[in-house]
């Protein structure tokens, strides 16, 4: 992800990147131009963890982006990923927990908006992650 992508990422996610922000973008080529299928952003780096933010426009990019993210973070010595998700984004939460193996660790009631909580989740990165994205 390059700084030019930050504006679209912010518009889509309502997340405002900090100075440590970086990420991975999945592109699609339609024969005439590249279009962003999705992106994952990383921010809030600590010695052991990073906060992850998703922007998925085409769901078929989710698993390849996930594997690339795990490989990248593992290579950089990260052992944990932290996520904050609005409670009304049930599709994202279901995908995180049922398909990707995240777990909920806390809830901030009304933290996103009136009657919308912030769900704090974590994913423990295993020592042996795939090196390349799976198709």
N, C-alpha and C. Protein backbone atom coordinates (compact mmCIF):
# COMPACT_ATOMS: atom_id res chain seq x y z
N UNK A 1 0.86 -1.17 0.00
CA UNK A 1 0.00 0.00 0.00
C UNK A 1 0.90 1.24 0.00
N UNK A 2 0.57 2.17 -0.83
CA UNK A 2 1.32 3.42 -0.91
C UNK A 2 0.44 4.55 -0.36
N UNK A 3 1.05 5.67 0.03
CA UNK A 3 0.26 6.77 0.61
C UNK A 3 -0.93 7.22 -0.25
N UNK A 4 -0.84 7.08 -1.56
CA UNK A 4 -1.95 7.47 -2.43
C UNK A 4 -3.19 6.61 -2.17
N UNK A 5 -3.01 5.40 -1.64
CA UNK A 5 -4.13 4.50 -1.34
C UNK A 5 -4.82 4.86 -0.02
N UNK A 6 -4.18 5.64 0.83
CA UNK A 6 -4.70 5.92 2.16
C UNK A 6 -6.06 6.62 2.14
N UNK A 7 -6.28 7.53 1.21
CA UNK A 7 -7.55 8.26 1.15
C UNK A 7 -8.71 7.30 0.90
N UNK A 8 -8.59 6.43 -0.10
CA UNK A 8 -9.66 5.47 -0.40
C UNK A 8 -9.85 4.49 0.77
N UNK A 9 -8.75 4.08 1.38
CA UNK A 9 -8.82 3.18 2.53
C UNK A 9 -9.60 3.84 3.67
N UNK A 10 -9.28 5.09 3.94
CA UNK A 10 -9.96 5.83 5.01
C UNK A 10 -11.45 6.02 4.71
N UNK A 11 -11.77 6.36 3.47
CA UNK A 11 -13.18 6.53 3.10
C UNK A 11 -13.96 5.23 3.28
N UNK A 12 -13.34 4.11 2.96
CA UNK A 12 -14.02 2.82 3.03
C UNK A 12 -14.12 2.28 4.46
N UNK A 13 -13.11 2.54 5.29
CA UNK A 13 -13.05 1.91 6.61
C UNK A 13 -13.34 2.86 7.77
N UNK A 14 -13.29 4.16 7.53
CA UNK A 14 -13.41 5.16 8.59
C UNK A 14 -12.24 5.08 9.57
N UNK A 15 -11.11 4.52 9.10
CA UNK A 15 -9.89 4.46 9.90
C UNK A 15 -8.90 5.47 9.34
N UNK A 16 -8.35 6.29 10.20
CA UNK A 16 -7.40 7.31 9.79
C UNK A 16 -5.98 6.84 10.11
N UNK A 17 -5.20 6.50 9.09
CA UNK A 17 -3.88 5.94 9.30
C UNK A 17 -2.94 6.89 10.06
N UNK A 18 -2.14 6.28 10.94
CA UNK A 18 -1.10 7.01 11.65
C UNK A 18 0.22 6.92 10.91
N UNK A 19 1.28 7.46 11.50
CA UNK A 19 2.58 7.49 10.82
C UNK A 19 3.21 6.12 10.62
N UNK A 20 2.80 5.10 11.38
CA UNK A 20 3.35 3.75 11.23
C UNK A 20 2.57 2.91 10.23
N UNK A 21 1.56 3.48 9.61
CA UNK A 21 0.64 2.72 8.77
C UNK A 21 1.30 2.22 7.49
N UNK A 22 0.98 0.98 7.15
CA UNK A 22 1.39 0.38 5.89
C UNK A 22 0.42 -0.76 5.60
N UNK A 23 0.54 -1.38 4.46
CA UNK A 23 -0.38 -2.47 4.19
C UNK A 23 -0.13 -3.16 2.87
N UNK A 24 -1.06 -4.03 2.54
CA UNK A 24 -1.00 -4.85 1.34
C UNK A 24 -2.29 -4.64 0.56
N UNK A 25 -2.18 -4.46 -0.74
CA UNK A 25 -3.35 -4.24 -1.61
C UNK A 25 -3.47 -5.39 -2.59
N UNK A 26 -4.68 -5.88 -2.78
CA UNK A 26 -4.97 -6.89 -3.82
C UNK A 26 -5.58 -6.16 -5.01
N UNK A 27 -4.96 -6.34 -6.16
CA UNK A 27 -5.39 -5.67 -7.38
C UNK A 27 -6.01 -6.67 -8.35
N UNK A 28 -6.89 -6.17 -9.19
CA UNK A 28 -7.46 -6.95 -10.28
C UNK A 28 -7.23 -6.16 -11.58
N UNK A 29 -6.84 -6.86 -12.63
CA UNK A 29 -6.61 -6.23 -13.93
C UNK A 29 -7.72 -6.67 -14.87
N UNK A 30 -8.46 -5.70 -15.40
CA UNK A 30 -9.57 -6.04 -16.29
C UNK A 30 -9.21 -5.91 -17.76
N UNK A 31 -7.93 -5.77 -18.05
CA UNK A 31 -7.48 -5.62 -19.43
C UNK A 31 -7.23 -4.18 -19.80
N UNK A 32 -7.77 -3.26 -19.01
CA UNK A 32 -7.58 -1.84 -19.29
C UNK A 32 -7.02 -1.08 -18.09
N UNK A 33 -7.37 -1.51 -16.88
CA UNK A 33 -6.89 -0.80 -15.70
C UNK A 33 -6.88 -1.73 -14.49
N UNK A 34 -6.09 -1.33 -13.50
CA UNK A 34 -6.08 -2.02 -12.21
C UNK A 34 -7.19 -1.48 -11.33
N UNK A 35 -7.84 -2.37 -10.61
CA UNK A 35 -8.84 -1.95 -9.63
C UNK A 35 -8.51 -2.64 -8.31
N UNK A 36 -8.73 -1.93 -7.22
CA UNK A 36 -8.48 -2.50 -5.91
C UNK A 36 -9.60 -3.48 -5.57
N UNK A 37 -9.21 -4.73 -5.30
CA UNK A 37 -10.17 -5.74 -4.85
C UNK A 37 -10.34 -5.66 -3.33
N UNK A 38 -9.28 -5.30 -2.66
CA UNK A 38 -9.29 -5.21 -1.21
C UNK A 38 -7.92 -4.82 -0.71
N UNK A 39 -7.87 -4.51 0.57
CA UNK A 39 -6.60 -4.13 1.18
C UNK A 39 -6.64 -4.45 2.66
N UNK A 40 -5.47 -4.62 3.21
CA UNK A 40 -5.32 -4.79 4.65
C UNK A 40 -4.26 -3.79 5.09
N UNK A 41 -4.58 -3.07 6.16
CA UNK A 41 -3.66 -2.07 6.68
C UNK A 41 -3.16 -2.47 8.06
N UNK A 42 -1.91 -2.11 8.35
CA UNK A 42 -1.30 -2.40 9.64
C UNK A 42 -0.89 -1.09 10.30
N UNK A 43 -1.18 -0.98 11.58
CA UNK A 43 -0.83 0.23 12.32
C UNK A 43 -0.67 -0.15 13.79
N UNK A 44 -0.20 0.77 14.59
CA UNK A 44 -0.06 0.52 16.01
C UNK A 44 0.92 -0.60 16.32
N UNK A 45 2.06 -0.59 15.68
CA UNK A 45 3.06 -1.65 15.83
C UNK A 45 3.66 -1.64 17.23
N UNK A 46 3.76 -2.82 17.83
CA UNK A 46 4.47 -3.00 19.09
C UNK A 46 5.52 -4.10 18.84
N UNK A 47 6.39 -4.38 19.81
CA UNK A 47 7.36 -5.44 19.57
C UNK A 47 6.72 -6.80 19.24
N UNK A 48 5.53 -7.10 19.77
CA UNK A 48 4.90 -8.40 19.55
C UNK A 48 3.66 -8.38 18.66
N UNK A 49 3.06 -7.23 18.45
CA UNK A 49 1.74 -7.19 17.82
C UNK A 49 1.59 -6.03 16.85
N UNK A 50 0.48 -6.08 16.12
CA UNK A 50 0.11 -5.00 15.22
C UNK A 50 -1.41 -4.98 15.14
N UNK A 51 -1.97 -3.82 14.90
CA UNK A 51 -3.41 -3.71 14.68
C UNK A 51 -3.68 -3.81 13.18
N UNK A 52 -4.69 -4.62 12.83
CA UNK A 52 -5.01 -4.89 11.43
C UNK A 52 -6.38 -4.29 11.09
N UNK A 53 -6.46 -3.71 9.91
CA UNK A 53 -7.70 -3.10 9.42
C UNK A 53 -7.95 -3.62 8.00
N UNK A 54 -9.19 -4.04 7.74
CA UNK A 54 -9.55 -4.64 6.46
C UNK A 54 -10.43 -3.71 5.64
N UNK A 55 -10.23 -3.77 4.32
CA UNK A 55 -11.14 -3.16 3.34
C UNK A 55 -11.30 -4.19 2.23
N UNK A 56 -12.44 -4.83 2.20
CA UNK A 56 -12.69 -5.88 1.22
C UNK A 56 -13.81 -5.44 0.28
N UNK A 57 -13.47 -5.25 -1.00
CA UNK A 57 -14.47 -4.91 -2.02
C UNK A 57 -14.96 -6.15 -2.73
N UNK A 58 -14.06 -7.11 -2.96
CA UNK A 58 -14.41 -8.37 -3.63
C UNK A 58 -13.95 -9.52 -2.71
N UNK A 59 -14.89 -10.26 -2.14
CA UNK A 59 -14.56 -11.28 -1.15
C UNK A 59 -13.53 -12.32 -1.61
N UNK A 60 -13.38 -12.54 -2.90
CA UNK A 60 -12.44 -13.56 -3.35
C UNK A 60 -10.98 -13.21 -3.03
N UNK A 61 -10.71 -11.96 -2.65
CA UNK A 61 -9.34 -11.58 -2.31
C UNK A 61 -9.03 -11.80 -0.83
N UNK A 62 -10.03 -12.11 -0.03
CA UNK A 62 -9.85 -12.20 1.42
C UNK A 62 -8.80 -13.23 1.83
N UNK A 63 -8.93 -14.46 1.39
CA UNK A 63 -8.02 -15.52 1.82
C UNK A 63 -6.59 -15.27 1.31
N UNK A 64 -6.39 -14.91 0.03
CA UNK A 64 -5.02 -14.58 -0.39
C UNK A 64 -4.41 -13.42 0.42
N UNK A 65 -5.20 -12.37 0.69
CA UNK A 65 -4.70 -11.26 1.50
C UNK A 65 -4.36 -11.73 2.91
N UNK A 66 -5.19 -12.59 3.46
CA UNK A 66 -4.97 -13.12 4.81
C UNK A 66 -3.64 -13.87 4.88
N UNK A 67 -3.41 -14.76 3.90
CA UNK A 67 -2.16 -15.53 3.91
C UNK A 67 -0.93 -14.64 3.69
N UNK A 68 -1.04 -13.67 2.81
CA UNK A 68 0.07 -12.73 2.60
C UNK A 68 0.34 -11.94 3.88
N UNK A 69 -0.73 -11.52 4.56
CA UNK A 69 -0.58 -10.77 5.80
C UNK A 69 0.12 -11.60 6.87
N UNK A 70 -0.32 -12.84 7.04
CA UNK A 70 0.30 -13.71 8.04
C UNK A 70 1.78 -13.94 7.73
N UNK A 71 2.09 -14.17 6.48
CA UNK A 71 3.49 -14.38 6.09
C UNK A 71 4.33 -13.13 6.38
N UNK A 72 3.81 -11.99 5.99
CA UNK A 72 4.52 -10.72 6.20
C UNK A 72 4.75 -10.46 7.68
N UNK A 73 3.70 -10.60 8.48
CA UNK A 73 3.82 -10.32 9.91
C UNK A 73 4.71 -11.33 10.61
N UNK A 74 4.62 -12.57 10.22
CA UNK A 74 5.47 -13.61 10.80
C UNK A 74 6.94 -13.32 10.50
N UNK A 75 7.24 -12.94 9.26
CA UNK A 75 8.62 -12.61 8.88
C UNK A 75 9.16 -11.43 9.68
N UNK A 76 8.26 -10.55 10.15
CA UNK A 76 8.67 -9.39 10.94
C UNK A 76 8.57 -9.65 12.44
N UNK A 77 8.43 -10.91 12.82
CA UNK A 77 8.48 -11.29 14.23
C UNK A 77 7.24 -11.01 15.05
N UNK A 78 6.13 -10.70 14.39
CA UNK A 78 4.90 -10.41 15.14
C UNK A 78 4.24 -11.72 15.54
N UNK A 79 3.70 -11.74 16.75
CA UNK A 79 3.06 -12.95 17.27
C UNK A 79 1.57 -12.79 17.50
N UNK A 80 1.07 -11.55 17.37
CA UNK A 80 -0.34 -11.31 17.65
C UNK A 80 -0.86 -10.20 16.75
N UNK A 81 -2.12 -10.36 16.31
CA UNK A 81 -2.81 -9.32 15.55
C UNK A 81 -4.01 -8.89 16.38
N UNK A 82 -4.23 -7.59 16.47
CA UNK A 82 -5.36 -7.03 17.20
C UNK A 82 -6.31 -6.40 16.20
N UNK A 83 -7.60 -6.59 16.42
CA UNK A 83 -8.61 -6.00 15.56
C UNK A 83 -9.70 -5.33 16.37
N UNK A 84 -10.24 -4.25 15.85
CA UNK A 84 -11.40 -3.59 16.45
C UNK A 84 -12.47 -3.50 15.37
N UNK A 85 -13.64 -4.04 15.67
CA UNK A 85 -14.70 -4.15 14.67
C UNK A 85 -16.01 -3.65 15.26
N UNK A 86 -16.76 -2.81 14.54
CA UNK A 86 -18.09 -2.42 15.02
C UNK A 86 -18.99 -3.65 15.14
N UNK A 87 -19.75 -3.71 16.20
CA UNK A 87 -20.59 -4.89 16.44
C UNK A 87 -21.66 -5.10 15.39
N UNK A 88 -22.01 -4.06 14.64
CA UNK A 88 -23.02 -4.22 13.60
C UNK A 88 -22.44 -4.74 12.29
N UNK A 89 -21.13 -4.97 12.24
CA UNK A 89 -20.50 -5.56 11.07
C UNK A 89 -20.44 -7.08 11.28
N UNK A 90 -21.62 -7.69 11.31
CA UNK A 90 -21.72 -9.11 11.65
C UNK A 90 -21.04 -10.01 10.62
N UNK A 91 -21.05 -9.61 9.37
CA UNK A 91 -20.40 -10.42 8.33
C UNK A 91 -18.89 -10.51 8.58
N UNK A 92 -18.28 -9.38 8.91
CA UNK A 92 -16.85 -9.37 9.19
C UNK A 92 -16.54 -10.20 10.44
N UNK A 93 -17.32 -10.04 11.48
CA UNK A 93 -17.08 -10.79 12.71
C UNK A 93 -17.25 -12.29 12.48
N UNK A 94 -18.26 -12.67 11.75
CA UNK A 94 -18.49 -14.09 11.46
C UNK A 94 -17.31 -14.67 10.67
N UNK A 95 -16.82 -13.92 9.70
CA UNK A 95 -15.67 -14.37 8.90
C UNK A 95 -14.43 -14.49 9.78
N UNK A 96 -14.18 -13.48 10.61
CA UNK A 96 -13.00 -13.51 11.48
C UNK A 96 -13.01 -14.73 12.39
N UNK A 97 -14.14 -14.99 13.03
CA UNK A 97 -14.21 -16.05 14.03
C UNK A 97 -14.37 -17.43 13.40
N UNK A 98 -15.26 -17.55 12.43
CA UNK A 98 -15.57 -18.87 11.87
C UNK A 98 -14.58 -19.34 10.82
N UNK A 99 -14.01 -18.42 10.03
CA UNK A 99 -13.14 -18.83 8.93
C UNK A 99 -11.66 -18.58 9.18
N UNK A 100 -11.34 -17.53 9.94
CA UNK A 100 -9.93 -17.16 10.09
C UNK A 100 -9.34 -17.51 11.44
N UNK A 101 -10.16 -17.82 12.42
CA UNK A 101 -9.64 -18.27 13.71
C UNK A 101 -9.34 -17.20 14.74
N UNK A 102 -9.92 -16.02 14.59
CA UNK A 102 -9.78 -14.97 15.59
C UNK A 102 -10.60 -15.33 16.83
N UNK A 103 -10.34 -14.61 17.94
CA UNK A 103 -11.18 -14.77 19.12
C UNK A 103 -11.46 -13.40 19.72
N UNK A 104 -12.66 -13.26 20.26
CA UNK A 104 -13.07 -12.02 20.91
C UNK A 104 -12.41 -11.93 22.28
N UNK A 105 -11.88 -10.73 22.61
CA UNK A 105 -11.26 -10.57 23.92
C UNK A 105 -11.94 -9.50 24.77
N UNK A 106 -12.67 -8.57 24.15
CA UNK A 106 -13.33 -7.52 24.94
C UNK A 106 -14.40 -6.82 24.10
N UNK A 107 -15.28 -6.13 24.80
CA UNK A 107 -16.32 -5.32 24.16
C UNK A 107 -16.31 -3.95 24.82
N UNK A 108 -16.34 -2.91 24.00
CA UNK A 108 -16.51 -1.55 24.51
C UNK A 108 -17.91 -1.12 24.12
N UNK A 109 -18.80 -1.13 25.09
CA UNK A 109 -20.21 -0.84 24.82
C UNK A 109 -20.37 0.60 24.34
N UNK A 110 -21.07 0.75 23.21
CA UNK A 110 -21.32 2.06 22.63
C UNK A 110 -20.07 2.76 22.14
N UNK A 111 -19.00 2.04 21.97
CA UNK A 111 -17.72 2.65 21.59
C UNK A 111 -17.64 3.11 20.15
N UNK A 112 -18.44 2.53 19.27
CA UNK A 112 -18.42 2.94 17.86
C UNK A 112 -19.45 4.01 17.60
N UNK A 113 -20.66 3.77 18.11
CA UNK A 113 -21.77 4.71 17.90
C UNK A 113 -22.84 4.36 18.94
N UNK A 114 -23.90 5.12 18.99
CA UNK A 114 -25.00 4.77 19.88
C UNK A 114 -25.48 3.37 19.53
N UNK A 115 -25.53 2.50 20.52
CA UNK A 115 -25.98 1.12 20.35
C UNK A 115 -25.11 0.27 19.44
N UNK A 116 -23.90 0.72 19.14
CA UNK A 116 -22.95 -0.07 18.34
C UNK A 116 -21.65 -0.16 19.15
N UNK A 117 -21.35 -1.38 19.57
CA UNK A 117 -20.17 -1.62 20.38
C UNK A 117 -18.93 -1.78 19.50
N UNK A 118 -17.76 -1.67 20.13
CA UNK A 118 -16.51 -2.04 19.48
C UNK A 118 -16.14 -3.41 20.02
N UNK A 119 -15.96 -4.35 19.12
CA UNK A 119 -15.53 -5.68 19.49
C UNK A 119 -14.01 -5.75 19.29
N UNK A 120 -13.29 -6.04 20.35
CA UNK A 120 -11.84 -6.18 20.27
C UNK A 120 -11.52 -7.67 20.16
N UNK A 121 -10.76 -8.00 19.13
CA UNK A 121 -10.44 -9.40 18.84
C UNK A 121 -8.93 -9.54 18.69
N UNK A 122 -8.47 -10.79 18.79
CA UNK A 122 -7.05 -11.06 18.57
C UNK A 122 -6.88 -12.34 17.77
N UNK A 123 -5.75 -12.40 17.10
CA UNK A 123 -5.36 -13.61 16.39
C UNK A 123 -3.92 -13.89 16.78
N UNK A 124 -3.65 -15.11 17.20
CA UNK A 124 -2.29 -15.52 17.55
C UNK A 124 -1.61 -16.10 16.32
N UNK A 125 -0.52 -15.48 15.92
CA UNK A 125 0.22 -15.93 14.75
C UNK A 125 1.06 -17.13 15.16
N UNK A 126 0.90 -18.21 14.47
CA UNK A 126 1.66 -19.42 14.76
C UNK A 126 3.05 -19.32 14.16
N UNK A 127 3.97 -20.02 14.73
CA UNK A 127 5.37 -19.95 14.29
C UNK A 127 5.55 -20.34 12.83
N UNK A 128 4.77 -21.30 12.35
CA UNK A 128 4.95 -21.77 10.98
C UNK A 128 3.76 -21.37 10.14
N UNK A 129 3.85 -20.22 9.51
CA UNK A 129 2.80 -19.73 8.63
C UNK A 129 3.19 -20.04 7.19
N UNK A 130 2.20 -20.11 6.30
CA UNK A 130 2.53 -20.30 4.88
C UNK A 130 3.38 -19.15 4.36
N UNK A 131 4.31 -19.44 3.49
CA UNK A 131 5.21 -18.42 2.96
C UNK A 131 4.56 -17.63 1.84
N UNK A 132 3.67 -18.22 1.07
CA UNK A 132 3.03 -17.54 -0.04
C UNK A 132 1.52 -17.66 0.09
N UNK A 133 0.84 -16.78 -0.61
CA UNK A 133 -0.63 -16.79 -0.57
C UNK A 133 -1.18 -18.06 -1.19
N UNK A 134 -2.23 -18.54 -0.59
CA UNK A 134 -2.95 -19.69 -1.16
C UNK A 134 -3.99 -19.19 -2.14
N UNK A 135 -4.23 -19.92 -3.17
CA UNK A 135 -5.20 -19.51 -4.17
C UNK A 135 -6.61 -19.82 -3.72
